[in-house]
């Protein structure tokens, strides 16, 4: 049985879930025969650290004594904003020696500060992407996905995305069934693919201030299969199409067409994840009309076809007569 060593870096003001989420995934996988992840934690001095939630974590030892792991995992948290310079120095000297380099949430800031992300495509928490790109121009920051793989480097978006990334790494090491078993044990119903967007349509767009526009937003969300052309939506808001388009974009940050696209994509994703309905029915219920139109939308937005997207989730078996 091949054992993989995983070293998790601890520091004051770390986010506890960034640490415990991936560790629970690797620990869960290790309960499978033939799978073994050796999990260790270490802080600079080996002293306990206080998480941002107030929880205290006691590391296994000091970073200086940790050795070279197969996987070095750097979590995030408020402590990444003003890190101890000694931690950055340790990462600069030791991160290149690790077999695999992984960051969760704002842990990417620590890796960027130590020069580990230069020339790589990465992601982090949506609220930090702009600052990361500005402060580290040699880093290619993608704010959309929940995690990104680039060679030996793997970075994830905020908090729970670290669980998704850890599940993907387990699947890479030991196959889909092991990863699904862990997901079921943790009651993580959905194993989201890395190219899934960090935001839902409703979170991406701002909520309109004016009631007619806000009502239209709600209508779109509740009726993705309706006629959602600009003229129909403008009539619902009792505005001219031109005025409606300008006002909607000004108040939500998205054009009506872009908002409709995101709502329909989100609806289709939910139906693929949560039901055994066939693609033809889902495409109609989501407003695409045809399976081919939905397929094009999925490939454009997520880089994968609907059937493959469904396969990535812990969905019930497809019933006879409802095949994707």
C-alpha atoms as a PDB file:
ATOM      1  CA  UNK A   1       0.000   0.000   0.000  1.00  0.00           C
ATOM      2  CA  UNK A   2       1.449   3.337  -1.062  1.00  0.00           C
ATOM      3  CA  UNK A   3       1.199   6.032   1.571  1.00  0.00           C
ATOM      4  CA  UNK A   4       1.056   9.734   0.701  1.00  0.00           C
ATOM      5  CA  UNK A   5       2.239  12.238   3.269  1.00  0.00           C
ATOM      6  CA  UNK A   6       0.167  15.417   3.635  1.00  0.00           C
ATOM      7  CA  UNK A   7       1.504  18.352   5.633  1.00  0.00           C
ATOM      8  CA  UNK A   8      -0.964  21.109   6.593  1.00  0.00           C
ATOM      9  CA  UNK A   9       0.537  24.474   7.521  1.00  0.00           C
ATOM     10  CA  UNK A  10      -0.966  26.153  10.598  1.00  0.00           C
ATOM     11  CA  UNK A  11      -0.765  29.790  11.673  1.00  0.00           C
ATOM     12  CA  UNK A  12      -2.703  32.156  13.902  1.00  0.00           C
ATOM     13  CA  UNK A  13      -6.041  33.321  12.502  1.00  0.00           C
ATOM     14  CA  UNK A  14      -6.284  30.349  10.161  1.00  0.00           C
ATOM     15  CA  UNK A  15      -9.804  29.390   9.066  1.00  0.00           C
ATOM     16  CA  UNK A  16     -10.568  26.123  10.854  1.00  0.00           C
ATOM     17  CA  UNK A  17     -12.713  24.677   8.041  1.00  0.00           C
ATOM     18  CA  UNK A  18      -9.897  25.253   5.535  1.00  0.00           C
ATOM     19  CA  UNK A  19      -7.872  22.879   7.692  1.00  0.00           C
ATOM     20  CA  UNK A  20     -10.455  20.348   8.853  1.00  0.00           C
ATOM     21  CA  UNK A  21     -12.413  20.059   5.576  1.00  0.00           C
ATOM     22  CA  UNK A  22      -9.606  18.660   3.403  1.00  0.00           C
ATOM     23  CA  UNK A  23      -8.164  16.680   6.334  1.00  0.00           C
ATOM     24  CA  UNK A  24     -11.507  14.922   6.873  1.00  0.00           C
ATOM     25  CA  UNK A  25     -11.574  14.014   3.177  1.00  0.00           C
ATOM     26  CA  UNK A  26      -8.089  12.480   3.265  1.00  0.00           C
ATOM     27  CA  UNK A  27      -8.782  10.774   6.596  1.00  0.00           C
ATOM     28  CA  UNK A  28     -12.036   9.362   5.210  1.00  0.00           C
ATOM     29  CA  UNK A  29     -10.267   8.055   2.135  1.00  0.00           C
ATOM     30  CA  UNK A  30      -7.686   6.352   4.356  1.00  0.00           C
ATOM     31  CA  UNK A  31     -10.424   4.158   5.820  1.00  0.00           C
ATOM     32  CA  UNK A  32     -10.646   2.456   2.424  1.00  0.00           C
ATOM     33  CA  UNK A  33      -8.457  -0.661   2.083  1.00  0.00           C
ATOM     34  CA  UNK A  34      -5.355   0.124   0.079  1.00  0.00           C
ATOM     35  CA  UNK A  35      -5.596   3.895   0.612  1.00  0.00           C
ATOM     36  CA  UNK A  36      -3.363   5.752   3.059  1.00  0.00           C
ATOM     37  CA  UNK A  37      -2.771   9.447   3.618  1.00  0.00           C
ATOM     38  CA  UNK A  38      -0.390  10.304   6.451  1.00  0.00           C
ATOM     39  CA  UNK A  39      -1.749  13.576   7.835  1.00  0.00           C
ATOM     40  CA  UNK A  40       0.425  15.979   9.808  1.00  0.00           C
ATOM     41  CA  UNK A  41       0.036  19.576  10.901  1.00  0.00           C
ATOM     42  CA  UNK A  42       2.801  22.015  11.761  1.00  0.00           C
ATOM     43  CA  UNK A  43       3.166  25.640  12.808  1.00  0.00           C
ATOM     44  CA  UNK A  44       6.314  27.751  12.694  1.00  0.00           C
ATOM     45  CA  UNK A  45       7.393  26.961  16.251  1.00  0.00           C
ATOM     46  CA  UNK A  46       5.199  23.954  16.917  1.00  0.00           C
ATOM     47  CA  UNK A  47       3.077  26.007  19.320  1.00  0.00           C
ATOM     48  CA  UNK A  48      -0.752  25.876  19.256  1.00  0.00           C
ATOM     49  CA  UNK A  49      -2.501  28.354  16.956  1.00  0.00           C
ATOM     50  CA  UNK A  50      -5.783  30.174  17.461  1.00  0.00           C
ATOM     51  CA  UNK A  51      -8.222  29.951  14.551  1.00  0.00           C
ATOM     52  CA  UNK A  52     -10.260  32.904  13.347  1.00  0.00           C
ATOM     53  CA  UNK A  53     -13.288  31.303  15.032  1.00  0.00           C
ATOM     54  CA  UNK A  54     -11.515  31.153  18.404  1.00  0.00           C
ATOM     55  CA  UNK A  55     -10.834  27.426  18.179  1.00  0.00           C
ATOM     56  CA  UNK A  56      -7.316  26.374  19.220  1.00  0.00           C
ATOM     57  CA  UNK A  57      -5.434  23.816  17.135  1.00  0.00           C
ATOM     58  CA  UNK A  58      -2.446  21.911  18.488  1.00  0.00           C
ATOM     59  CA  UNK A  59      -0.016  21.020  15.679  1.00  0.00           C
ATOM     60  CA  UNK A  60       1.979  17.811  15.483  1.00  0.00           C
ATOM     61  CA  UNK A  61       5.203  19.778  15.475  1.00  0.00           C
ATOM     62  CA  UNK A  62       7.257  22.616  14.047  1.00  0.00           C
ATOM     63  CA  UNK A  63       7.632  23.306  10.337  1.00  0.00           C
ATOM     64  CA  UNK A  64      11.418  23.128  10.598  1.00  0.00           C
ATOM     65  CA  UNK A  65      11.109  19.467  11.640  1.00  0.00           C
ATOM     66  CA  UNK A  66       8.330  18.534   9.200  1.00  0.00           C
ATOM     67  CA  UNK A  67      10.440  17.200   6.344  1.00  0.00           C
ATOM     68  CA  UNK A  68       9.401  17.113   2.683  1.00  0.00           C
ATOM     69  CA  UNK A  69       5.776  15.967   2.171  1.00  0.00           C
ATOM     70  CA  UNK A  70       4.157  14.471  -0.892  1.00  0.00           C
ATOM     71  CA  UNK A  71       1.530  17.191  -0.537  1.00  0.00           C
ATOM     72  CA  UNK A  72       1.899  20.564   1.162  1.00  0.00           C
ATOM     73  CA  UNK A  73      -1.484  22.129   1.957  1.00  0.00           C
ATOM     74  CA  UNK A  74      -1.725  25.830   2.813  1.00  0.00           C
ATOM     75  CA  UNK A  75      -5.113  26.897   4.235  1.00  0.00           C
ATOM     76  CA  UNK A  76      -6.527  30.405   4.317  1.00  0.00           C
ATOM     77  CA  UNK A  77      -8.010  32.761   6.858  1.00  0.00           C
ATOM     78  CA  UNK A  78      -7.540  36.327   8.130  1.00  0.00           C
ATOM     79  CA  UNK A  79      -3.991  35.419   9.143  1.00  0.00           C
ATOM     80  CA  UNK A  80      -2.954  35.409   5.479  1.00  0.00           C
ATOM     81  CA  UNK A  81      -3.461  39.176   5.211  1.00  0.00           C
ATOM     82  CA  UNK A  82      -0.459  40.082   7.394  1.00  0.00           C
ATOM     83  CA  UNK A  83       1.518  36.850   7.615  1.00  0.00           C
ATOM     84  CA  UNK A  84       4.591  36.269   9.717  1.00  0.00           C
ATOM     85  CA  UNK A  85       7.602  36.957   7.432  1.00  0.00           C
ATOM     86  CA  UNK A  86       9.206  33.785   8.790  1.00  0.00           C
ATOM     87  CA  UNK A  87       6.301  31.747   7.383  1.00  0.00           C
ATOM     88  CA  UNK A  88       6.789  33.294   3.937  1.00  0.00           C
ATOM     89  CA  UNK A  89      10.506  32.532   4.149  1.00  0.00           C
ATOM     90  CA  UNK A  90       9.769  28.916   5.083  1.00  0.00           C
ATOM     91  CA  UNK A  91       7.381  28.529   2.151  1.00  0.00           C
ATOM     92  CA  UNK A  92       9.881  30.099  -0.233  1.00  0.00           C
ATOM     93  CA  UNK A  93      12.541  27.621   0.841  1.00  0.00           C
ATOM     94  CA  UNK A  94      10.446  24.483   1.258  1.00  0.00           C
ATOM     95  CA  UNK A  95       7.348  24.651  -0.973  1.00  0.00           C
ATOM     96  CA  UNK A  96       9.346  23.929  -4.178  1.00  0.00           C
ATOM     97  CA  UNK A  97      10.490  20.641  -2.625  1.00  0.00           C
ATOM     98  CA  UNK A  98       6.979  19.303  -1.965  1.00  0.00           C
ATOM     99  CA  UNK A  99       5.574  16.823  -4.439  1.00  0.00           C
ATOM    100  CA  UNK A 100       2.252  18.649  -4.739  1.00  0.00           C
ATOM    101  CA  UNK A 101       1.333  22.155  -3.653  1.00  0.00           C
ATOM    102  CA  UNK A 102      -2.259  22.891  -2.589  1.00  0.00           C
ATOM    103  CA  UNK A 103      -3.914  26.062  -1.291  1.00  0.00           C
ATOM    104  CA  UNK A 104      -7.398  26.604   0.096  1.00  0.00           C
ATOM    105  CA  UNK A 105      -9.094  29.995  -0.071  1.00  0.00           C
ATOM    106  CA  UNK A 106      -6.705  32.852   0.839  1.00  0.00           C
ATOM    107  CA  UNK A 107      -3.856  30.381   1.354  1.00  0.00           C
ATOM    108  CA  UNK A 108      -3.055  31.384  -2.232  1.00  0.00           C
ATOM    109  CA  UNK A 109      -1.878  34.744  -0.863  1.00  0.00           C
ATOM    110  CA  UNK A 110       0.832  32.994   1.157  1.00  0.00           C
ATOM    111  CA  UNK A 111       1.963  30.965  -1.834  1.00  0.00           C
ATOM    112  CA  UNK A 112       1.957  34.063  -4.042  1.00  0.00           C
ATOM    113  CA  UNK A 113       3.941  36.023  -1.457  1.00  0.00           C
ATOM    114  CA  UNK A 114       6.598  33.311  -1.466  1.00  0.00           C
ATOM    115  CA  UNK A 115       6.789  33.249  -5.270  1.00  0.00           C
ATOM    116  CA  UNK A 116       5.172  29.846  -5.768  1.00  0.00           C
ATOM    117  CA  UNK A 117       2.356  30.993  -8.077  1.00  0.00           C
ATOM    118  CA  UNK A 118       4.324  32.974 -10.659  1.00  0.00           C
ATOM    119  CA  UNK A 119       3.548  31.777 -14.170  1.00  0.00           C
ATOM    120  CA  UNK A 120       0.645  29.632 -13.010  1.00  0.00           C
ATOM    121  CA  UNK A 121      -3.141  29.777 -13.423  1.00  0.00           C
ATOM    122  CA  UNK A 122      -4.786  29.889 -10.001  1.00  0.00           C
ATOM    123  CA  UNK A 123      -7.936  30.844  -8.130  1.00  0.00           C
ATOM    124  CA  UNK A 124      -8.831  31.959  -4.622  1.00  0.00           C
ATOM    125  CA  UNK A 125     -11.817  33.356  -2.740  1.00  0.00           C
ATOM    126  CA  UNK A 126     -13.815  35.598  -5.076  1.00  0.00           C
ATOM    127  CA  UNK A 127     -13.286  38.661  -2.863  1.00  0.00           C
ATOM    128  CA  UNK A 128      -9.492  38.366  -3.141  1.00  0.00           C
ATOM    129  CA  UNK A 129      -9.033  37.623  -6.839  1.00  0.00           C
ATOM    130  CA  UNK A 130      -8.676  41.247  -7.909  1.00  0.00           C
ATOM    131  CA  UNK A 131      -6.108  42.029  -5.200  1.00  0.00           C
ATOM    132  CA  UNK A 132      -4.136  38.857  -5.942  1.00  0.00           C
ATOM    133  CA  UNK A 133      -3.941  39.721  -9.634  1.00  0.00           C
ATOM    134  CA  UNK A 134      -2.995  43.326  -8.896  1.00  0.00           C
ATOM    135  CA  UNK A 135      -0.296  42.544  -6.340  1.00  0.00           C
ATOM    136  CA  UNK A 136       1.175  39.615  -8.267  1.00  0.00           C
ATOM    137  CA  UNK A 137       1.036  40.389 -12.000  1.00  0.00           C
ATOM    138  CA  UNK A 138       3.059  37.267 -12.842  1.00  0.00           C
ATOM    139  CA  UNK A 139       0.172  35.134 -11.587  1.00  0.00           C
ATOM    140  CA  UNK A 140      -2.776  34.293 -13.875  1.00  0.00           C
ATOM    141  CA  UNK A 141      -5.823  34.623 -11.607  1.00  0.00           C
ATOM    142  CA  UNK A 142      -9.092  33.033 -12.708  1.00  0.00           C
ATOM    143  CA  UNK A 143     -11.945  34.258 -10.463  1.00  0.00           C
ATOM    144  CA  UNK A 144     -14.577  31.872 -11.837  1.00  0.00           C
ATOM    145  CA  UNK A 145     -13.811  28.225 -10.936  1.00  0.00           C
ATOM    146  CA  UNK A 146     -14.082  26.683  -7.488  1.00  0.00           C
ATOM    147  CA  UNK A 147     -10.679  25.077  -7.989  1.00  0.00           C
ATOM    148  CA  UNK A 148      -7.907  25.080 -10.569  1.00  0.00           C
ATOM    149  CA  UNK A 149      -5.255  22.445 -11.351  1.00  0.00           C
ATOM    150  CA  UNK A 150      -2.022  23.614 -12.986  1.00  0.00           C
ATOM    151  CA  UNK A 151       0.626  20.913 -12.970  1.00  0.00           C
ATOM    152  CA  UNK A 152       1.702  20.103  -9.404  1.00  0.00           C
ATOM    153  CA  UNK A 153      -0.159  23.179  -8.169  1.00  0.00           C
ATOM    154  CA  UNK A 154      -3.817  23.081  -7.080  1.00  0.00           C
ATOM    155  CA  UNK A 155      -5.683  26.115  -5.729  1.00  0.00           C
ATOM    156  CA  UNK A 156      -9.275  26.429  -4.559  1.00  0.00           C
ATOM    157  CA  UNK A 157     -11.844  29.116  -3.929  1.00  0.00           C
ATOM    158  CA  UNK A 158     -13.300  29.926  -0.529  1.00  0.00           C
ATOM    159  CA  UNK A 159     -13.753  27.593   2.429  1.00  0.00           C
ATOM    160  CA  UNK A 160     -15.912  24.604   1.364  1.00  0.00           C
ATOM    161  CA  UNK A 161     -14.277  24.573  -2.084  1.00  0.00           C
ATOM    162  CA  UNK A 162     -11.292  23.036  -0.294  1.00  0.00           C
ATOM    163  CA  UNK A 163     -13.436  19.935   0.289  1.00  0.00           C
ATOM    164  CA  UNK A 164     -14.276  19.775  -3.425  1.00  0.00           C
ATOM    165  CA  UNK A 165     -10.599  20.059  -4.307  1.00  0.00           C
ATOM    166  CA  UNK A 166      -9.598  17.394  -1.778  1.00  0.00           C
ATOM    167  CA  UNK A 167     -12.240  15.032  -3.199  1.00  0.00           C
ATOM    168  CA  UNK A 168     -10.888  15.665  -6.693  1.00  0.00           C
ATOM    169  CA  UNK A 169      -7.353  14.883  -5.511  1.00  0.00           C
ATOM    170  CA  UNK A 170      -8.545  11.651  -3.882  1.00  0.00           C
ATOM    171  CA  UNK A 171     -10.323  10.710  -7.111  1.00  0.00           C
ATOM    172  CA  UNK A 172      -7.113  11.374  -9.016  1.00  0.00           C
ATOM    173  CA  UNK A 173      -5.130   9.157  -6.656  1.00  0.00           C
ATOM    174  CA  UNK A 174      -7.590   6.334  -6.060  1.00  0.00           C
ATOM    175  CA  UNK A 175     -10.533   6.590  -8.445  1.00  0.00           C
ATOM    176  CA  UNK A 176     -14.076   7.874  -8.501  1.00  0.00           C
ATOM    177  CA  UNK A 177     -15.651   5.260  -6.240  1.00  0.00           C
ATOM    178  CA  UNK A 178     -13.324   6.041  -3.343  1.00  0.00           C
ATOM    179  CA  UNK A 179     -14.037   9.767  -3.688  1.00  0.00           C
ATOM    180  CA  UNK A 180     -17.796   9.153  -3.835  1.00  0.00           C
ATOM    181  CA  UNK A 181     -17.634   6.935  -0.757  1.00  0.00           C
ATOM    182  CA  UNK A 182     -15.919   9.738   1.158  1.00  0.00           C
ATOM    183  CA  UNK A 183     -18.435  12.294  -0.117  1.00  0.00           C
ATOM    184  CA  UNK A 184     -21.331  10.127   1.063  1.00  0.00           C
ATOM    185  CA  UNK A 185     -19.736   9.639   4.476  1.00  0.00           C
ATOM    186  CA  UNK A 186     -19.290  13.384   4.901  1.00  0.00           C
ATOM    187  CA  UNK A 187     -22.842  13.962   3.612  1.00  0.00           C
ATOM    188  CA  UNK A 188     -21.400  16.086   0.833  1.00  0.00           C
ATOM    189  CA  UNK A 189     -24.194  15.404  -1.621  1.00  0.00           C
ATOM    190  CA  UNK A 190     -22.579  17.128  -4.569  1.00  0.00           C
ATOM    191  CA  UNK A 191     -19.046  16.714  -5.806  1.00  0.00           C
ATOM    192  CA  UNK A 192     -18.693  19.872  -7.820  1.00  0.00           C
ATOM    193  CA  UNK A 193     -16.341  19.867 -10.808  1.00  0.00           C
ATOM    194  CA  UNK A 194     -13.582  22.450 -10.632  1.00  0.00           C
ATOM    195  CA  UNK A 195     -14.917  24.521 -13.506  1.00  0.00           C
ATOM    196  CA  UNK A 196     -18.206  25.147 -11.726  1.00  0.00           C
ATOM    197  CA  UNK A 197     -18.563  28.875 -11.053  1.00  0.00           C
ATOM    198  CA  UNK A 198     -18.065  30.187  -7.519  1.00  0.00           C
ATOM    199  CA  UNK A 199     -21.370  32.086  -7.691  1.00  0.00           C
ATOM    200  CA  UNK A 200     -24.987  31.289  -8.378  1.00  0.00           C
ATOM    201  CA  UNK A 201     -26.787  33.678 -10.700  1.00  0.00           C
ATOM    202  CA  UNK A 202     -28.546  35.330  -7.785  1.00  0.00           C
ATOM    203  CA  UNK A 203     -25.307  35.936  -5.893  1.00  0.00           C
ATOM    204  CA  UNK A 204     -23.373  37.108  -8.931  1.00  0.00           C
ATOM    205  CA  UNK A 205     -25.856  39.838  -9.720  1.00  0.00           C
ATOM    206  CA  UNK A 206     -26.773  42.613  -7.369  1.00  0.00           C
ATOM    207  CA  UNK A 207     -30.387  42.822  -6.279  1.00  0.00           C
ATOM    208  CA  UNK A 208     -32.139  45.666  -8.046  1.00  0.00           C
ATOM    209  CA  UNK A 209     -33.206  48.597  -5.903  1.00  0.00           C
ATOM    210  CA  UNK A 210     -36.354  49.483  -7.785  1.00  0.00           C
ATOM    211  CA  UNK A 211     -39.237  47.136  -7.151  1.00  0.00           C
ATOM    212  CA  UNK A 212     -40.271  46.540 -10.798  1.00  0.00           C
ATOM    213  CA  UNK A 213     -36.740  45.430 -11.686  1.00  0.00           C
ATOM    214  CA  UNK A 214     -36.447  43.347  -8.528  1.00  0.00           C
ATOM    215  CA  UNK A 215     -39.759  41.669  -9.363  1.00  0.00           C
ATOM    216  CA  UNK A 216     -38.455  40.869 -12.845  1.00  0.00           C
ATOM    217  CA  UNK A 217     -35.357  39.261 -11.316  1.00  0.00           C
ATOM    218  CA  UNK A 218     -37.565  37.037  -9.162  1.00  0.00           C
ATOM    219  CA  UNK A 219     -39.805  36.215 -12.132  1.00  0.00           C
ATOM    220  CA  UNK A 220     -36.812  35.099 -14.213  1.00  0.00           C
ATOM    221  CA  UNK A 221     -35.583  32.852 -11.396  1.00  0.00           C
ATOM    222  CA  UNK A 222     -39.006  31.259 -10.920  1.00  0.00           C
ATOM    223  CA  UNK A 223     -39.812  30.901 -14.635  1.00  0.00           C
ATOM    224  CA  UNK A 224     -36.611  30.041 -16.551  1.00  0.00           C
ATOM    225  CA  UNK A 225     -38.687  28.268 -19.220  1.00  0.00           C
ATOM    226  CA  UNK A 226     -40.823  31.335 -19.980  1.00  0.00           C
ATOM    227  CA  UNK A 227     -40.356  33.858 -22.779  1.00  0.00           C
ATOM    228  CA  UNK A 228     -37.511  35.919 -21.310  1.00  0.00           C
ATOM    229  CA  UNK A 229     -36.654  38.124 -24.241  1.00  0.00           C
ATOM    230  CA  UNK A 230     -35.936  41.781 -23.452  1.00  0.00           C
ATOM    231  CA  UNK A 231     -39.271  42.917 -24.859  1.00  0.00           C
ATOM    232  CA  UNK A 232     -41.248  40.514 -22.641  1.00  0.00           C
ATOM    233  CA  UNK A 233     -39.256  41.419 -19.536  1.00  0.00           C
ATOM    234  CA  UNK A 234     -39.515  45.135 -20.254  1.00  0.00           C
ATOM    235  CA  UNK A 235     -43.301  44.820 -20.606  1.00  0.00           C
ATOM    236  CA  UNK A 236     -43.428  43.069 -17.211  1.00  0.00           C
ATOM    237  CA  UNK A 237     -41.487  45.990 -15.701  1.00  0.00           C
ATOM    238  CA  UNK A 238     -43.675  48.479 -17.603  1.00  0.00           C
ATOM    239  CA  UNK A 239     -40.647  50.090 -19.210  1.00  0.00           C
ATOM    240  CA  UNK A 240     -39.494  50.506 -22.781  1.00  0.00           C
ATOM    241  CA  UNK A 241     -36.987  47.809 -23.850  1.00  0.00           C
ATOM    242  CA  UNK A 242     -34.206  50.380 -24.134  1.00  0.00           C
ATOM    243  CA  UNK A 243     -34.892  51.927 -20.726  1.00  0.00           C
ATOM    244  CA  UNK A 244     -35.327  48.504 -19.140  1.00  0.00           C
ATOM    245  CA  UNK A 245     -32.001  47.218 -20.498  1.00  0.00           C
ATOM    246  CA  UNK A 246     -30.100  50.292 -19.246  1.00  0.00           C
ATOM    247  CA  UNK A 247     -31.772  50.262 -15.827  1.00  0.00           C
ATOM    248  CA  UNK A 248     -31.394  46.506 -15.327  1.00  0.00           C
ATOM    249  CA  UNK A 249     -27.687  46.598 -16.070  1.00  0.00           C
ATOM    250  CA  UNK A 250     -27.131  49.674 -13.914  1.00  0.00           C
ATOM    251  CA  UNK A 251     -28.822  48.088 -10.898  1.00  0.00           C
ATOM    252  CA  UNK A 252     -27.728  44.452 -11.203  1.00  0.00           C
ATOM    253  CA  UNK A 253     -24.367  44.691 -12.946  1.00  0.00           C
ATOM    254  CA  UNK A 254     -25.519  42.305 -15.685  1.00  0.00           C
ATOM    255  CA  UNK A 255     -27.426  42.698 -18.935  1.00  0.00           C
ATOM    256  CA  UNK A 256     -30.866  41.026 -18.954  1.00  0.00           C
ATOM    257  CA  UNK A 257     -29.619  38.453 -21.437  1.00  0.00           C
ATOM    258  CA  UNK A 258     -26.583  37.553 -19.323  1.00  0.00           C
ATOM    259  CA  UNK A 259     -28.724  37.220 -16.195  1.00  0.00           C
ATOM    260  CA  UNK A 260     -31.157  34.930 -18.018  1.00  0.00           C
ATOM    261  CA  UNK A 261     -28.244  32.785 -19.251  1.00  0.00           C
ATOM    262  CA  UNK A 262     -26.943  32.311 -15.714  1.00  0.00           C
ATOM    263  CA  UNK A 263     -30.371  31.514 -14.262  1.00  0.00           C
ATOM    264  CA  UNK A 264     -31.061  28.924 -16.955  1.00  0.00           C
ATOM    265  CA  UNK A 265     -27.639  27.341 -16.531  1.00  0.00           C
ATOM    266  CA  UNK A 266     -28.120  27.161 -12.771  1.00  0.00           C
ATOM    267  CA  UNK A 267     -31.573  25.602 -13.181  1.00  0.00           C
ATOM    268  CA  UNK A 268     -30.231  22.989 -15.583  1.00  0.00           C
ATOM    269  CA  UNK A 269     -27.342  22.177 -13.256  1.00  0.00           C
ATOM    270  CA  UNK A 270     -29.673  21.673 -10.302  1.00  0.00           C
ATOM    271  CA  UNK A 271     -31.919  19.345 -12.288  1.00  0.00           C
ATOM    272  CA  UNK A 272     -28.965  17.311 -13.519  1.00  0.00           C
ATOM    273  CA  UNK A 273     -27.620  17.073  -9.978  1.00  0.00           C
ATOM    274  CA  UNK A 274     -30.854  16.360  -8.108  1.00  0.00           C
ATOM    275  CA  UNK A 275     -33.116  14.424 -10.507  1.00  0.00           C
ATOM    276  CA  UNK A 276     -33.028  11.494 -12.896  1.00  0.00           C
ATOM    277  CA  UNK A 277     -34.920  13.411 -15.595  1.00  0.00           C
ATOM    278  CA  UNK A 278     -33.634  13.087 -19.132  1.00  0.00           C
ATOM    279  CA  UNK A 279     -31.695  15.862 -20.835  1.00  0.00           C
ATOM    280  CA  UNK A 280     -34.566  16.614 -23.227  1.00  0.00           C
ATOM    281  CA  UNK A 281     -36.951  17.353 -20.355  1.00  0.00           C
ATOM    282  CA  UNK A 282     -34.340  19.332 -18.443  1.00  0.00           C
ATOM    283  CA  UNK A 283     -33.522  21.439 -21.484  1.00  0.00           C
ATOM    284  CA  UNK A 284     -37.205  22.380 -21.835  1.00  0.00           C
ATOM    285  CA  UNK A 285     -37.674  23.049 -18.104  1.00  0.00           C
ATOM    286  CA  UNK A 286     -34.587  25.270 -18.082  1.00  0.00           C
ATOM    287  CA  UNK A 287     -35.637  27.334 -21.064  1.00  0.00           C
ATOM    288  CA  UNK A 288     -33.158  25.978 -23.606  1.00  0.00           C
ATOM    289  CA  UNK A 289     -35.779  24.249 -25.714  1.00  0.00           C
ATOM    290  CA  UNK A 290     -33.521  21.552 -27.144  1.00  0.00           C
ATOM    291  CA  UNK A 291     -30.762  19.303 -25.763  1.00  0.00           C
ATOM    292  CA  UNK A 292     -28.329  20.693 -28.320  1.00  0.00           C
ATOM    293  CA  UNK A 293     -28.919  24.281 -27.150  1.00  0.00           C
ATOM    294  CA  UNK A 294     -28.308  23.193 -23.557  1.00  0.00           C
ATOM    295  CA  UNK A 295     -25.191  21.252 -24.557  1.00  0.00           C
ATOM    296  CA  UNK A 296     -23.730  24.341 -26.256  1.00  0.00           C
ATOM    297  CA  UNK A 297     -24.458  26.461 -23.171  1.00  0.00           C
ATOM    298  CA  UNK A 298     -22.768  23.917 -20.869  1.00  0.00           C
ATOM    299  CA  UNK A 299     -19.686  23.560 -23.038  1.00  0.00           C
ATOM    300  CA  UNK A 300     -19.338  27.329 -23.314  1.00  0.00           C
ATOM    301  CA  UNK A 301     -19.801  28.049 -19.592  1.00  0.00           C
ATOM    302  CA  UNK A 302     -18.425  24.924 -17.897  1.00  0.00           C
ATOM    303  CA  UNK A 303     -16.283  23.234 -20.512  1.00  0.00           C
ATOM    304  CA  UNK A 304     -18.234  19.984 -20.277  1.00  0.00           C
ATOM    305  CA  UNK A 305     -21.382  18.425 -21.745  1.00  0.00           C
ATOM    306  CA  UNK A 306     -24.516  17.881 -19.581  1.00  0.00           C
ATOM    307  CA  UNK A 307     -24.076  14.089 -19.443  1.00  0.00           C
ATOM    308  CA  UNK A 308     -20.496  14.408 -18.213  1.00  0.00           C
ATOM    309  CA  UNK A 309     -21.532  17.104 -15.734  1.00  0.00           C
ATOM    310  CA  UNK A 310     -24.137  14.738 -14.276  1.00  0.00           C
ATOM    311  CA  UNK A 311     -21.571  11.942 -14.046  1.00  0.00           C
ATOM    312  CA  UNK A 312     -19.442  14.132 -11.771  1.00  0.00           C
ATOM    313  CA  UNK A 313     -22.119  14.124  -9.108  1.00  0.00           C
ATOM    314  CA  UNK A 314     -23.394  11.592  -6.647  1.00  0.00           C
ATOM    315  CA  UNK A 315     -26.718  11.329  -8.418  1.00  0.00           C
ATOM    316  CA  UNK A 316     -29.171   8.436  -8.164  1.00  0.00           C
ATOM    317  CA  UNK A 317     -29.071   5.960 -11.057  1.00  0.00           C
ATOM    318  CA  UNK A 318     -30.923   7.133 -14.126  1.00  0.00           C
ATOM    319  CA  UNK A 319     -34.321   5.454 -14.371  1.00  0.00           C
ATOM    320  CA  UNK A 320     -35.323   3.482 -17.444  1.00  0.00           C
ATOM    321  CA  UNK A 321     -36.788   5.776 -20.058  1.00  0.00           C
ATOM    322  CA  UNK A 322     -35.010   8.847 -18.588  1.00  0.00           C
ATOM    323  CA  UNK A 323     -31.516   8.488 -19.900  1.00  0.00           C
ATOM    324  CA  UNK A 324     -29.401  11.628 -20.430  1.00  0.00           C
END
